[in-house]
Amino acid sequence: MNRLIKFRAWSDKQTMVYDIDLNGFQYLNTFLKSTDSVLMQFTGLIDRNGVQIYEGDVIKCKDITMEGQELTYSGVVCFEDGWYSIETFVVDGYPSCFIPFNTGDLPLVIGNKFENPELL
């Protein structure tokens, strides 16, 4: 199995997200030591528009409950306990929770937590 390993980074000083072209992990280590950047890894998944999904992205999802109700929610993609999940906001009156990243419908990237804090 080939898995594409990609990163992007957020820099508070430059207030931008930028892709990192890795020429081996030595470059990555040097990059992290020389900047104040926050590193976000590509999940290996894409949204319904073909946009790559990274940690820190804010996504919108639809799912069907066991009772057959359609549920729409949004949240931040995060890596917790060895797997990607969605840290949700309020979902139909329920408080924030972590949902496994296996939704019934392909998610939609609507921003990221650094450039779009108003989505949180």
PDB file of N, CA and C in Angstrom:
ATOM      1  N   MET A   1       0.840  -1.171   0.000  1.00  0.00           N
ATOM      2  CA  MET A   1       0.000   0.000   0.000  1.00  0.00           C
ATOM      3  C   MET A   1       0.885   1.234   0.000  1.00  0.00           C
ATOM      4  N   ASN A   2       0.661   2.119  -0.945  1.00  0.00           N
ATOM      5  CA  ASN A   2       1.389   3.389  -0.990  1.00  0.00           C
ATOM      6  C   ASN A   2       0.517   4.477  -0.411  1.00  0.00           C
ATOM      7  N   ARG A   3       1.041   5.188   0.556  1.00  0.00           N
ATOM      8  CA  ARG A   3       0.314   6.296   1.167  1.00  0.00           C
ATOM      9  C   ARG A   3       1.126   7.554   0.971  1.00  0.00           C
ATOM     10  N   LEU A   4       0.496   8.552   0.396  1.00  0.00           N
ATOM     11  CA  LEU A   4       1.150   9.824   0.165  1.00  0.00           C
ATOM     12  C   LEU A   4       1.316  10.553   1.498  1.00  0.00           C
ATOM     13  N   ILE A   5       2.537  10.892   1.845  1.00  0.00           N
ATOM     14  CA  ILE A   5       2.810  11.607   3.089  1.00  0.00           C
ATOM     15  C   ILE A   5       3.135  13.049   2.714  1.00  0.00           C
ATOM     16  N   LYS A   6       2.218  13.936   3.098  1.00  0.00           N
ATOM     17  CA  LYS A   6       2.359  15.351   2.785  1.00  0.00           C
ATOM     18  C   LYS A   6       2.046  16.164   4.028  1.00  0.00           C
ATOM     19  N   PHE A   7       2.582  17.359   4.065  1.00  0.00           N
ATOM     20  CA  PHE A   7       2.320  18.264   5.169  1.00  0.00           C
ATOM     21  C   PHE A   7       2.037  19.651   4.628  1.00  0.00           C
ATOM     22  N   ARG A   8       1.396  20.447   5.455  1.00  0.00           N
ATOM     23  CA  ARG A   8       1.338  21.885   5.230  1.00  0.00           C
ATOM     24  C   ARG A   8       1.550  22.517   6.601  1.00  0.00           C
ATOM     25  N   ALA A   9       1.862  23.787   6.603  1.00  0.00           N
ATOM     26  CA  ALA A   9       2.179  24.446   7.867  1.00  0.00           C
ATOM     27  C   ALA A   9       1.482  25.789   7.954  1.00  0.00           C
ATOM     28  N   TRP A  10       1.178  26.193   9.183  1.00  0.00           N
ATOM     29  CA  TRP A  10       0.611  27.508   9.465  1.00  0.00           C
ATOM     30  C   TRP A  10       1.672  28.320  10.183  1.00  0.00           C
ATOM     31  N   SER A  11       1.877  29.529   9.723  1.00  0.00           N
ATOM     32  CA  SER A  11       2.832  30.426  10.361  1.00  0.00           C
ATOM     33  C   SER A  11       2.087  31.648  10.871  1.00  0.00           C
ATOM     34  N   ASP A  12       2.143  31.889  12.184  1.00  0.00           N
ATOM     35  CA  ASP A  12       1.507  33.075  12.759  1.00  0.00           C
ATOM     36  C   ASP A  12       2.166  34.356  12.249  1.00  0.00           C
ATOM     37  N   LYS A  13       3.475  34.324  12.071  1.00  0.00           N
ATOM     38  CA  LYS A  13       4.187  35.520  11.629  1.00  0.00           C
ATOM     39  C   LYS A  13       3.790  35.913  10.210  1.00  0.00           C
ATOM     40  N   GLN A  14       3.635  34.914   9.345  1.00  0.00           N
ATOM     41  CA  GLN A  14       3.285  35.210   7.959  1.00  0.00           C
ATOM     42  C   GLN A  14       1.781  35.121   7.730  1.00  0.00           C
ATOM     43  N   THR A  15       1.028  34.719   8.738  1.00  0.00           N
ATOM     44  CA  THR A  15      -0.425  34.526   8.673  1.00  0.00           C
ATOM     45  C   THR A  15      -0.868  33.869   7.363  1.00  0.00           C
ATOM     46  N   MET A  16      -0.293  32.731   7.115  1.00  0.00           N
ATOM     47  CA  MET A  16      -0.674  31.979   5.915  1.00  0.00           C
ATOM     48  C   MET A  16      -0.407  30.498   6.110  1.00  0.00           C
ATOM     49  N   VAL A  17      -1.140  29.707   5.340  1.00  0.00           N
ATOM     50  CA  VAL A  17      -0.904  28.271   5.283  1.00  0.00           C
ATOM     51  C   VAL A  17      -0.129  28.006   4.004  1.00  0.00           C
ATOM     52  N   TYR A  18       0.903  27.193   4.097  1.00  0.00           N
ATOM     53  CA  TYR A  18       1.667  26.873   2.903  1.00  0.00           C
ATOM     54  C   TYR A  18       2.041  25.399   2.899  1.00  0.00           C
ATOM     55  N   ASP A  19       2.133  24.851   1.678  1.00  0.00           N
ATOM     56  CA  ASP A  19       2.510  23.453   1.504  1.00  0.00           C
ATOM     57  C   ASP A  19       4.001  23.295   1.719  1.00  0.00           C
ATOM     58  N   ILE A  20       4.380  22.119   2.215  1.00  0.00           N
ATOM     59  CA  ILE A  20       5.790  21.826   2.433  1.00  0.00           C
ATOM     60  C   ILE A  20       6.192  20.721   1.468  1.00  0.00           C
ATOM     61  N   ASP A  21       7.160  21.039   0.627  1.00  0.00           N
ATOM     62  CA  ASP A  21       7.708  20.045  -0.285  1.00  0.00           C
ATOM     63  C   ASP A  21       8.855  19.368   0.447  1.00  0.00           C
ATOM     64  N   LEU A  22       8.658  18.120   0.811  1.00  0.00           N
ATOM     65  CA  LEU A  22       9.657  17.428   1.620  1.00  0.00           C
ATOM     66  C   LEU A  22      10.720  16.769   0.758  1.00  0.00           C
ATOM     67  N   ASN A  23      11.949  17.083   1.055  1.00  0.00           N
ATOM     68  CA  ASN A  23      13.081  16.391   0.443  1.00  0.00           C
ATOM     69  C   ASN A  23      13.718  15.544   1.533  1.00  0.00           C
ATOM     70  N   GLY A  24      12.937  14.622   2.069  1.00  0.00           N
ATOM     71  CA  GLY A  24      13.400  13.793   3.174  1.00  0.00           C
ATOM     72  C   GLY A  24      13.045  14.431   4.501  1.00  0.00           C
ATOM     73  N   PHE A  25      13.113  13.648   5.565  1.00  0.00           N
ATOM     74  CA  PHE A  25      12.717  14.127   6.875  1.00  0.00           C
ATOM     75  C   PHE A  25      13.744  15.048   7.514  1.00  0.00           C
ATOM     76  N   GLN A  26      14.971  15.055   7.035  1.00  0.00           N
ATOM     77  CA  GLN A  26      15.972  15.982   7.554  1.00  0.00           C
ATOM     78  C   GLN A  26      15.528  17.410   7.306  1.00  0.00           C
ATOM     79  N   TYR A  27      14.989  17.680   6.114  1.00  0.00           N
ATOM     80  CA  TYR A  27      14.495  19.015   5.783  1.00  0.00           C
ATOM     81  C   TYR A  27      13.354  19.395   6.719  1.00  0.00           C
ATOM     82  N   LEU A  28      12.448  18.477   6.983  1.00  0.00           N
ATOM     83  CA  LEU A  28      11.308  18.745   7.861  1.00  0.00           C
ATOM     84  C   LEU A  28      11.782  19.124   9.262  1.00  0.00           C
ATOM     85  N   ASN A  29      12.730  18.395   9.793  1.00  0.00           N
ATOM     86  CA  ASN A  29      13.269  18.685  11.118  1.00  0.00           C
ATOM     87  C   ASN A  29      13.887  20.085  11.164  1.00  0.00           C
ATOM     88  N   THR A  30      14.663  20.432  10.159  1.00  0.00           N
ATOM     89  CA  THR A  30      15.278  21.760  10.082  1.00  0.00           C
ATOM     90  C   THR A  30      14.211  22.837   9.991  1.00  0.00           C
ATOM     91  N   PHE A  31      13.181  22.597   9.198  1.00  0.00           N
ATOM     92  CA  PHE A  31      12.096  23.554   9.025  1.00  0.00           C
ATOM     93  C   PHE A  31      11.394  23.827  10.361  1.00  0.00           C
ATOM     94  N   LEU A  32      11.080  22.781  11.095  1.00  0.00           N
ATOM     95  CA  LEU A  32      10.361  22.939  12.354  1.00  0.00           C
ATOM     96  C   LEU A  32      11.184  23.668  13.402  1.00  0.00           C
ATOM     97  N   LYS A  33      12.497  23.445  13.406  1.00  0.00           N
ATOM     98  CA  LYS A  33      13.361  24.108  14.379  1.00  0.00           C
ATOM     99  C   LYS A  33      13.548  25.588  14.057  1.00  0.00           C
ATOM    100  N   SER A  34      13.404  25.968  12.790  1.00  0.00           N
ATOM    101  CA  SER A  34      13.708  27.342  12.390  1.00  0.00           C
ATOM    102  C   SER A  34      12.470  28.234  12.273  1.00  0.00           C
ATOM    103  N   THR A  35      11.274  27.709  12.536  1.00  0.00           N
ATOM    104  CA  THR A  35      10.067  28.525  12.410  1.00  0.00           C
ATOM    105  C   THR A  35       9.156  28.318  13.606  1.00  0.00           C
ATOM    106  N   ASP A  36       8.133  29.142  13.663  1.00  0.00           N
ATOM    107  CA  ASP A  36       7.110  29.006  14.694  1.00  0.00           C
ATOM    108  C   ASP A  36       5.882  28.279  14.127  1.00  0.00           C
ATOM    109  N   SER A  37       6.062  27.561  13.072  1.00  0.00           N
ATOM    110  CA  SER A  37       4.948  26.967  12.336  1.00  0.00           C
ATOM    111  C   SER A  37       4.318  25.778  13.053  1.00  0.00           C
ATOM    112  N   VAL A  38       3.039  25.592  12.770  1.00  0.00           N
ATOM    113  CA  VAL A  38       2.296  24.428  13.228  1.00  0.00           C
ATOM    114  C   VAL A  38       2.151  23.509  12.024  1.00  0.00           C
ATOM    115  N   LEU A  39       2.552  22.277  12.183  1.00  0.00           N
ATOM    116  CA  LEU A  39       2.540  21.312  11.095  1.00  0.00           C
ATOM    117  C   LEU A  39       1.230  20.546  11.076  1.00  0.00           C
ATOM    118  N   MET A  40       0.666  20.342   9.875  1.00  0.00           N
ATOM    119  CA  MET A  40      -0.575  19.596   9.696  1.00  0.00           C
ATOM    120  C   MET A  40      -0.346  18.519   8.635  1.00  0.00           C
ATOM    121  N   GLN A  41      -0.711  17.285   8.943  1.00  0.00           N
ATOM    122  CA  GLN A  41      -0.477  16.185   8.019  1.00  0.00           C
ATOM    123  C   GLN A  41      -1.705  15.921   7.155  1.00  0.00           C
ATOM    124  N   PHE A  42      -1.454  15.548   5.903  1.00  0.00           N
ATOM    125  CA  PHE A  42      -2.501  15.140   4.975  1.00  0.00           C
ATOM    126  C   PHE A  42      -3.100  13.829   5.466  1.00  0.00           C
ATOM    127  N   THR A  43      -4.424  13.737   5.512  1.00  0.00           N
ATOM    128  CA  THR A  43      -5.096  12.543   6.015  1.00  0.00           C
ATOM    129  C   THR A  43      -5.106  11.400   5.005  1.00  0.00           C
ATOM    130  N   GLY A  44      -4.837  11.701   3.749  1.00  0.00           N
ATOM    131  CA  GLY A  44      -4.963  10.697   2.699  1.00  0.00           C
ATOM    132  C   GLY A  44      -6.357  10.680   2.099  1.00  0.00           C
ATOM    133  N   LEU A  45      -7.244  11.564   2.587  1.00  0.00           N
ATOM    134  CA  LEU A  45      -8.622  11.619   2.116  1.00  0.00           C
ATOM    135  C   LEU A  45      -8.872  12.912   1.349  1.00  0.00           C
ATOM    136  N   ILE A  46      -9.873  12.882   0.473  1.00  0.00           N
ATOM    137  CA  ILE A  46     -10.273  14.079  -0.251  1.00  0.00           C
ATOM    138  C   ILE A  46     -11.751  14.334  -0.004  1.00  0.00           C
ATOM    139  N   ASP A  47     -12.160  15.589  -0.163  1.00  0.00           N
ATOM    140  CA  ASP A  47     -13.566  15.913   0.045  1.00  0.00           C
ATOM    141  C   ASP A  47     -14.343  15.720  -1.251  1.00  0.00           C
ATOM    142  N   ARG A  48     -15.621  16.060  -1.232  1.00  0.00           N
ATOM    143  CA  ARG A  48     -16.483  15.820  -2.401  1.00  0.00           C
ATOM    144  C   ARG A  48     -16.106  16.661  -3.614  1.00  0.00           C
ATOM    145  N   ASN A  49     -15.273  17.719  -3.407  1.00  0.00           N
ATOM    146  CA  ASN A  49     -14.812  18.551  -4.519  1.00  0.00           C
ATOM    147  C   ASN A  49     -13.384  18.229  -4.936  1.00  0.00           C
ATOM    148  N   GLY A  50     -12.811  17.161  -4.375  1.00  0.00           N
ATOM    149  CA  GLY A  50     -11.453  16.774  -4.726  1.00  0.00           C
ATOM    150  C   GLY A  50     -10.377  17.510  -3.947  1.00  0.00           C
ATOM    151  N   VAL A  51     -10.760  18.250  -2.902  1.00  0.00           N
ATOM    152  CA  VAL A  51      -9.798  18.990  -2.074  1.00  0.00           C
ATOM    153  C   VAL A  51      -9.191  18.042  -1.041  1.00  0.00           C
ATOM    154  N   GLN A  52      -7.868  18.077  -0.920  1.00  0.00           N
ATOM    155  CA  GLN A  52      -7.189  17.229   0.063  1.00  0.00           C
ATOM    156  C   GLN A  52      -7.530  17.692   1.473  1.00  0.00           C
ATOM    157  N   ILE A  53      -7.754  16.724   2.380  1.00  0.00           N
ATOM    158  CA  ILE A  53      -8.131  17.028   3.754  1.00  0.00           C
ATOM    159  C   ILE A  53      -6.923  16.865   4.662  1.00  0.00           C
ATOM    160  N   TYR A  54      -6.614  17.924   5.422  1.00  0.00           N
ATOM    161  CA  TYR A  54      -5.477  17.948   6.343  1.00  0.00           C
ATOM    162  C   TYR A  54      -5.980  18.108   7.776  1.00  0.00           C
ATOM    163  N   GLU A  55      -5.135  17.745   8.721  1.00  0.00           N
ATOM    164  CA  GLU A  55      -5.405  18.077  10.118  1.00  0.00           C
ATOM    165  C   GLU A  55      -5.627  19.585  10.192  1.00  0.00           C
ATOM    166  N   GLY A  56      -6.551  20.014  11.030  1.00  0.00           N
ATOM    167  CA  GLY A  56      -6.825  21.432  11.195  1.00  0.00           C
ATOM    168  C   GLY A  56      -7.869  21.978  10.251  1.00  0.00           C
ATOM    169  N   ASP A  57      -8.255  21.201   9.237  1.00  0.00           N
ATOM    170  CA  ASP A  57      -9.314  21.652   8.336  1.00  0.00           C
ATOM    171  C   ASP A  57     -10.649  21.614   9.054  1.00  0.00           C
ATOM    172  N   VAL A  58     -11.506  22.565   8.717  1.00  0.00           N
ATOM    173  CA  VAL A  58     -12.882  22.551   9.206  1.00  0.00           C
ATOM    174  C   VAL A  58     -13.714  21.954   8.079  1.00  0.00           C
ATOM    175  N   ILE A  59     -14.439  20.889   8.409  1.00  0.00           N
ATOM    176  CA  ILE A  59     -15.228  20.204   7.391  1.00  0.00           C
ATOM    177  C   ILE A  59     -16.695  20.136   7.807  1.00  0.00           C
ATOM    178  N   LYS A  60     -17.534  19.991   6.812  1.00  0.00           N
ATOM    179  CA  LYS A  60     -18.972  19.839   7.027  1.00  0.00           C
ATOM    180  C   LYS A  60     -19.343  18.451   6.521  1.00  0.00           C
ATOM    181  N   CYS A  61     -20.108  17.711   7.317  1.00  0.00           N
ATOM    182  CA  CYS A  61     -20.464  16.328   6.982  1.00  0.00           C
ATOM    183  C   CYS A  61     -21.961  16.105   7.110  1.00  0.00           C
ATOM    184  N   LYS A  62     -22.426  15.095   6.394  1.00  0.00           N
ATOM    185  CA  LYS A  62     -23.791  14.602   6.549  1.00  0.00           C
ATOM    186  C   LYS A  62     -23.695  13.131   6.892  1.00  0.00           C
ATOM    187  N   ASP A  63     -24.583  12.682   7.743  1.00  0.00           N
ATOM    188  CA  ASP A  63     -24.608  11.274   8.123  1.00  0.00           C
ATOM    189  C   ASP A  63     -26.052  10.900   8.430  1.00  0.00           C
ATOM    190  N   ILE A  64     -26.311   9.643   8.528  1.00  0.00           N
ATOM    191  CA  ILE A  64     -27.639   9.140   8.872  1.00  0.00           C
ATOM    192  C   ILE A  64     -27.539   8.457  10.229  1.00  0.00           C
ATOM    193  N   THR A  65     -28.426   8.829  11.151  1.00  0.00           N
ATOM    194  CA  THR A  65     -28.425   8.214  12.468  1.00  0.00           C
ATOM    195  C   THR A  65     -29.034   6.816  12.383  1.00  0.00           C
ATOM    196  N   MET A  66     -28.908   6.046  13.446  1.00  0.00           N
ATOM    197  CA  MET A  66     -29.489   4.703  13.480  1.00  0.00           C
ATOM    198  C   MET A  66     -31.014   4.761  13.368  1.00  0.00           C
ATOM    199  N   GLU A  67     -31.593   5.906  13.733  1.00  0.00           N
ATOM    200  CA  GLU A  67     -33.045   6.071  13.632  1.00  0.00           C
ATOM    201  C   GLU A  67     -33.484   6.535  12.250  1.00  0.00           C
ATOM    202  N   GLY A  68     -32.511   6.744  11.334  1.00  0.00           N
ATOM    203  CA  GLY A  68     -32.825   7.146   9.969  1.00  0.00           C
ATOM    204  C   GLY A  68     -32.887   8.644   9.747  1.00  0.00           C
ATOM    205  N   GLN A  69     -32.527   9.430  10.757  1.00  0.00           N
ATOM    206  CA  GLN A  69     -32.537  10.883  10.611  1.00  0.00           C
ATOM    207  C   GLN A  69     -31.243  11.356   9.962  1.00  0.00           C
ATOM    208  N   GLU A  70     -31.358  12.368   9.076  1.00  0.00           N
ATOM    209  CA  GLU A  70     -30.160  12.965   8.494  1.00  0.00           C
ATOM    210  C   GLU A  70     -29.566  13.948   9.493  1.00  0.00           C
ATOM    211  N   LEU A  71     -28.273  13.859   9.686  1.00  0.00           N
ATOM    212  CA  LEU A  71     -27.571  14.696  10.637  1.00  0.00           C
ATOM    213  C   LEU A  71     -26.471  15.442   9.894  1.00  0.00           C
ATOM    214  N   THR A  72     -26.460  16.767  10.008  1.00  0.00           N
ATOM    215  CA  THR A  72     -25.408  17.590   9.417  1.00  0.00           C
ATOM    216  C   THR A  72     -24.603  18.207  10.546  1.00  0.00           C
ATOM    217  N   TYR A  73     -23.306  18.129  10.450  1.00  0.00           N
ATOM    218  CA  TYR A  73     -22.447  18.687  11.486  1.00  0.00           C
ATOM    219  C   TYR A  73     -21.148  19.164  10.868  1.00  0.00           C
ATOM    220  N   SER A  74     -20.441  19.989  11.614  1.00  0.00           N
ATOM    221  CA  SER A  74     -19.127  20.444  11.174  1.00  0.00           C
ATOM    222  C   SER A  74     -18.161  20.319  12.337  1.00  0.00           C
ATOM    223  N   GLY A  75     -16.890  20.305  12.000  1.00  0.00           N
ATOM    224  CA  GLY A  75     -15.883  20.171  13.032  1.00  0.00           C
ATOM    225  C   GLY A  75     -14.487  20.246  12.449  1.00  0.00           C
ATOM    226  N   VAL A  76     -13.508  20.135  13.332  1.00  0.00           N
ATOM    227  CA  VAL A  76     -12.098  20.225  12.959  1.00  0.00           C
ATOM    228  C   VAL A  76     -11.510  18.822  12.872  1.00  0.00           C
ATOM    229  N   VAL A  77     -10.790  18.550  11.794  1.00  0.00           N
ATOM    230  CA  VAL A  77     -10.110  17.270  11.625  1.00  0.00           C
ATOM    231  C   VAL A  77      -8.912  17.238  12.572  1.00  0.00           C
ATOM    232  N   CYS A  78      -8.811  16.170  13.355  1.00  0.00           N
ATOM    233  CA  CYS A  78      -7.697  16.044  14.285  1.00  0.00           C
ATOM    234  C   CYS A  78      -7.228  14.586  14.329  1.00  0.00           C
ATOM    235  N   PHE A  79      -6.037  14.402  14.842  1.00  0.00           N
ATOM    236  CA  PHE A  79      -5.460  13.074  14.984  1.00  0.00           C
ATOM    237  C   PHE A  79      -5.426  12.762  16.472  1.00  0.00           C
ATOM    238  N   GLU A  80      -6.241  11.817  16.903  1.00  0.00           N
ATOM    239  CA  GLU A  80      -6.351  11.466  18.323  1.00  0.00           C
ATOM    240  C   GLU A  80      -6.243   9.957  18.490  1.00  0.00           C
ATOM    241  N   ASP A  81      -5.424   9.524  19.407  1.00  0.00           N
ATOM    242  CA  ASP A  81      -5.315   8.104  19.759  1.00  0.00           C
ATOM    243  C   ASP A  81      -5.074   7.192  18.558  1.00  0.00           C
ATOM    244  N   GLY A  82      -4.262   7.664  17.608  1.00  0.00           N
ATOM    245  CA  GLY A  82      -3.859   6.829  16.487  1.00  0.00           C
ATOM    246  C   GLY A  82      -4.794   6.831  15.295  1.00  0.00           C
ATOM    247  N   TRP A  83      -5.800   7.707  15.262  1.00  0.00           N
ATOM    248  CA  TRP A  83      -6.704   7.755  14.115  1.00  0.00           C
ATOM    249  C   TRP A  83      -7.248   9.169  13.936  1.00  0.00           C
ATOM    250  N   TYR A  84      -7.654   9.466  12.692  1.00  0.00           N
ATOM    251  CA  TYR A  84      -8.241  10.764  12.401  1.00  0.00           C
ATOM    252  C   TYR A  84      -9.688  10.773  12.853  1.00  0.00           C
ATOM    253  N   SER A  85     -10.089  11.888  13.426  1.00  0.00           N
ATOM    254  CA  SER A  85     -11.471  12.046  13.843  1.00  0.00           C
ATOM    255  C   SER A  85     -11.877  13.491  13.607  1.00  0.00           C
ATOM    256  N   ILE A  86     -13.146  13.772  13.854  1.00  0.00           N
ATOM    257  CA  ILE A  86     -13.682  15.106  13.685  1.00  0.00           C
ATOM    258  C   ILE A  86     -14.107  15.597  15.062  1.00  0.00           C
ATOM    259  N   GLU A  87     -13.494  16.671  15.520  1.00  0.00           N
ATOM    260  CA  GLU A  87     -13.914  17.271  16.776  1.00  0.00           C
ATOM    261  C   GLU A  87     -15.074  18.195  16.439  1.00  0.00           C
ATOM    262  N   THR A  88     -16.272  17.764  16.780  1.00  0.00           N
ATOM    263  CA  THR A  88     -17.462  18.503  16.381  1.00  0.00           C
ATOM    264  C   THR A  88     -17.739  19.666  17.302  1.00  0.00           C
ATOM    265  N   PHE A  89     -18.600  20.521  16.813  1.00  0.00           N
ATOM    266  CA  PHE A  89     -19.127  21.612  17.608  1.00  0.00           C
ATOM    267  C   PHE A  89     -20.468  21.098  18.135  1.00  0.00           C
ATOM    268  N   VAL A  90     -21.434  21.927  18.324  1.00  0.00           N
ATOM    269  CA  VAL A  90     -22.738  21.464  18.798  1.00  0.00           C
ATOM    270  C   VAL A  90     -23.452  20.758  17.654  1.00  0.00           C
ATOM    271  N   VAL A  91     -23.913  19.532  17.911  1.00  0.00           N
ATOM    272  CA  VAL A  91     -24.631  18.741  16.918  1.00  0.00           C
ATOM    273  C   VAL A  91     -26.029  18.467  17.451  1.00  0.00           C
ATOM    274  N   ASP A  92     -27.016  19.098  16.840  1.00  0.00           N
ATOM    275  CA  ASP A  92     -28.409  18.917  17.267  1.00  0.00           C
ATOM    276  C   ASP A  92     -28.567  19.014  18.776  1.00  0.00           C
ATOM    277  N   GLY A  93     -27.923  20.002  19.368  1.00  0.00           N
ATOM    278  CA  GLY A  93     -28.056  20.221  20.799  1.00  0.00           C
ATOM    279  C   GLY A  93     -27.088  19.438  21.659  1.00  0.00           C
ATOM    280  N   TYR A  94     -26.340  18.499  21.069  1.00  0.00           N
ATOM    281  CA  TYR A  94     -25.364  17.729  21.825  1.00  0.00           C
ATOM    282  C   TYR A  94     -24.048  18.494  21.880  1.00  0.00           C
ATOM    283  N   PRO A  95     -23.290  18.379  22.969  1.00  0.00           N
ATOM    284  CA  PRO A  95     -22.019  19.104  23.069  1.00  0.00           C
ATOM    285  C   PRO A  95     -20.958  18.513  22.154  1.00  0.00           C
ATOM    286  N   SER A  96     -19.828  19.170  22.130  1.00  0.00           N
ATOM    287  CA  SER A  96     -18.699  18.749  21.298  1.00  0.00           C
ATOM    288  C   SER A  96     -18.295  17.309  21.604  1.00  0.00           C
ATOM    289  N   CYS A  97     -17.909  16.585  20.554  1.00  0.00           N
ATOM    290  CA  CYS A  97     -17.469  15.204  20.723  1.00  0.00           C
ATOM    291  C   CYS A  97     -16.539  14.841  19.572  1.00  0.00           C
ATOM    292  N   PHE A  98     -15.940  13.677  19.659  1.00  0.00           N
ATOM    293  CA  PHE A  98     -15.099  13.182  18.574  1.00  0.00           C
ATOM    294  C   PHE A  98     -15.868  12.118  17.811  1.00  0.00           C
ATOM    295  N   ILE A  99     -15.884  12.245  16.499  1.00  0.00           N
ATOM    296  CA  ILE A  99     -16.594  11.306  15.635  1.00  0.00           C
ATOM    297  C   ILE A  99     -15.569  10.639  14.731  1.00  0.00           C
ATOM    298  N   PRO A 100     -15.600   9.321  14.607  1.00  0.00           N
ATOM    299  CA  PRO A 100     -14.672   8.663  13.680  1.00  0.00           C
ATOM    300  C   PRO A 100     -14.826   9.212  12.269  1.00  0.00           C
ATOM    301  N   PHE A 101     -13.747   9.267  11.564  1.00  0.00           N
ATOM    302  CA  PHE A 101     -13.740   9.842  10.226  1.00  0.00           C
ATOM    303  C   PHE A 101     -14.197   8.798   9.207  1.00  0.00           C
ATOM    304  N   ASN A 102     -15.452   8.398   9.272  1.00  0.00           N
ATOM    305  CA  ASN A 102     -16.018   7.484   8.277  1.00  0.00           C
ATOM    306  C   ASN A 102     -17.469   7.837   8.059  1.00  0.00           C
ATOM    307  N   THR A 103     -17.695   9.035   7.546  1.00  0.00           N
ATOM    308  CA  THR A 103     -19.045   9.538   7.387  1.00  0.00           C
ATOM    309  C   THR A 103     -19.746   8.863   6.218  1.00  0.00           C
ATOM    310  N   GLY A 104     -21.067   8.909   6.247  1.00  0.00           N
ATOM    311  CA  GLY A 104     -21.866   8.300   5.185  1.00  0.00           C
ATOM    312  C   GLY A 104     -21.766   9.047   3.873  1.00  0.00           C
ATOM    313  N   ASP A 105     -21.529  10.332   3.914  1.00  0.00           N
ATOM    314  CA  ASP A 105     -21.416  11.168   2.731  1.00  0.00           C
ATOM    315  C   ASP A 105     -20.030  11.799   2.753  1.00  0.00           C
ATOM    316  N   LEU A 106     -19.455  12.029   1.576  1.00  0.00           N
ATOM    317  CA  LEU A 106     -18.132  12.659   1.564  1.00  0.00           C
ATOM    318  C   LEU A 106     -18.209  14.034   2.207  1.00  0.00           C
ATOM    319  N   PRO A 107     -17.232  14.366   3.053  1.00  0.00           N
ATOM    320  CA  PRO A 107     -17.239  15.674   3.716  1.00  0.00           C
ATOM    321  C   PRO A 107     -16.900  16.791   2.735  1.00  0.00           C
ATOM    322  N   LEU A 108     -17.072  18.024   3.195  1.00  0.00           N
ATOM    323  CA  LEU A 108     -16.747  19.206   2.421  1.00  0.00           C
ATOM    324  C   LEU A 108     -15.842  20.089   3.268  1.00  0.00           C
ATOM    325  N   VAL A 109     -14.645  20.417   2.746  1.00  0.00           N
ATOM    326  CA  VAL A 109     -13.744  21.334   3.444  1.00  0.00           C
ATOM    327  C   VAL A 109     -14.307  22.741   3.292  1.00  0.00           C
ATOM    328  N   ILE A 110     -14.552  23.414   4.434  1.00  0.00           N
ATOM    329  CA  ILE A 110     -15.100  24.772   4.389  1.00  0.00           C
ATOM    330  C   ILE A 110     -14.098  25.808   4.907  1.00  0.00           C
ATOM    331  N   GLY A 111     -12.910  25.364   5.287  1.00  0.00           N
ATOM    332  CA  GLY A 111     -11.873  26.270   5.763  1.00  0.00           C
ATOM    333  C   GLY A 111     -10.896  25.529   6.645  1.00  0.00           C
ATOM    334  N   ASN A 112     -10.122  26.281   7.416  1.00  0.00           N
ATOM    335  CA  ASN A 112      -9.241  25.664   8.407  1.00  0.00           C
ATOM    336  C   ASN A 112      -9.233  26.532   9.658  1.00  0.00           C
ATOM    337  N   LYS A 113      -8.810  25.947  10.761  1.00  0.00           N
ATOM    338  CA  LYS A 113      -8.937  26.627  12.051  1.00  0.00           C
ATOM    339  C   LYS A 113      -8.007  27.824  12.208  1.00  0.00           C
ATOM    340  N   PHE A 114      -7.023  27.956  11.344  1.00  0.00           N
ATOM    341  CA  PHE A 114      -6.103  29.083  11.441  1.00  0.00           C
ATOM    342  C   PHE A 114      -6.560  30.274  10.611  1.00  0.00           C
ATOM    343  N   GLU A 115      -6.929  30.037   9.361  1.00  0.00           N
ATOM    344  CA  GLU A 115      -7.358  31.121   8.488  1.00  0.00           C
ATOM    345  C   GLU A 115      -8.827  31.490   8.667  1.00  0.00           C
ATOM    346  N   ASN A 116      -9.624  30.589   9.240  1.00  0.00           N
ATOM    347  CA  ASN A 116     -11.059  30.816   9.377  1.00  0.00           C
ATOM    348  C   ASN A 116     -11.533  30.556  10.811  1.00  0.00           C
ATOM    349  N   PRO A 117     -11.013  31.265  11.803  1.00  0.00           N
ATOM    350  CA  PRO A 117     -11.410  31.018  13.191  1.00  0.00           C
ATOM    351  C   PRO A 117     -12.890  31.279  13.438  1.00  0.00           C
ATOM    352  N   GLU A 118     -13.531  32.058  12.569  1.00  0.00           N
ATOM    353  CA  GLU A 118     -14.959  32.337  12.736  1.00  0.00           C
ATOM    354  C   GLU A 118     -15.810  31.081  12.535  1.00  0.00           C
ATOM    355  N   LEU A 119     -15.241  30.032  11.939  1.00  0.00           N
ATOM    356  CA  LEU A 119     -15.974  28.786  11.722  1.00  0.00           C
ATOM    357  C   LEU A 119     -16.007  27.920  12.980  1.00  0.00           C
ATOM    358  N   LEU A 120     -15.177  28.247  13.964  1.00  0.00           N
ATOM    359  CA  LEU A 120     -15.103  27.422  15.175  1.00  0.00           C
ATOM    360  C   LEU A 120     -16.213  27.754  16.142  1.00  0.00           C
TER     361      LEU A 120
END
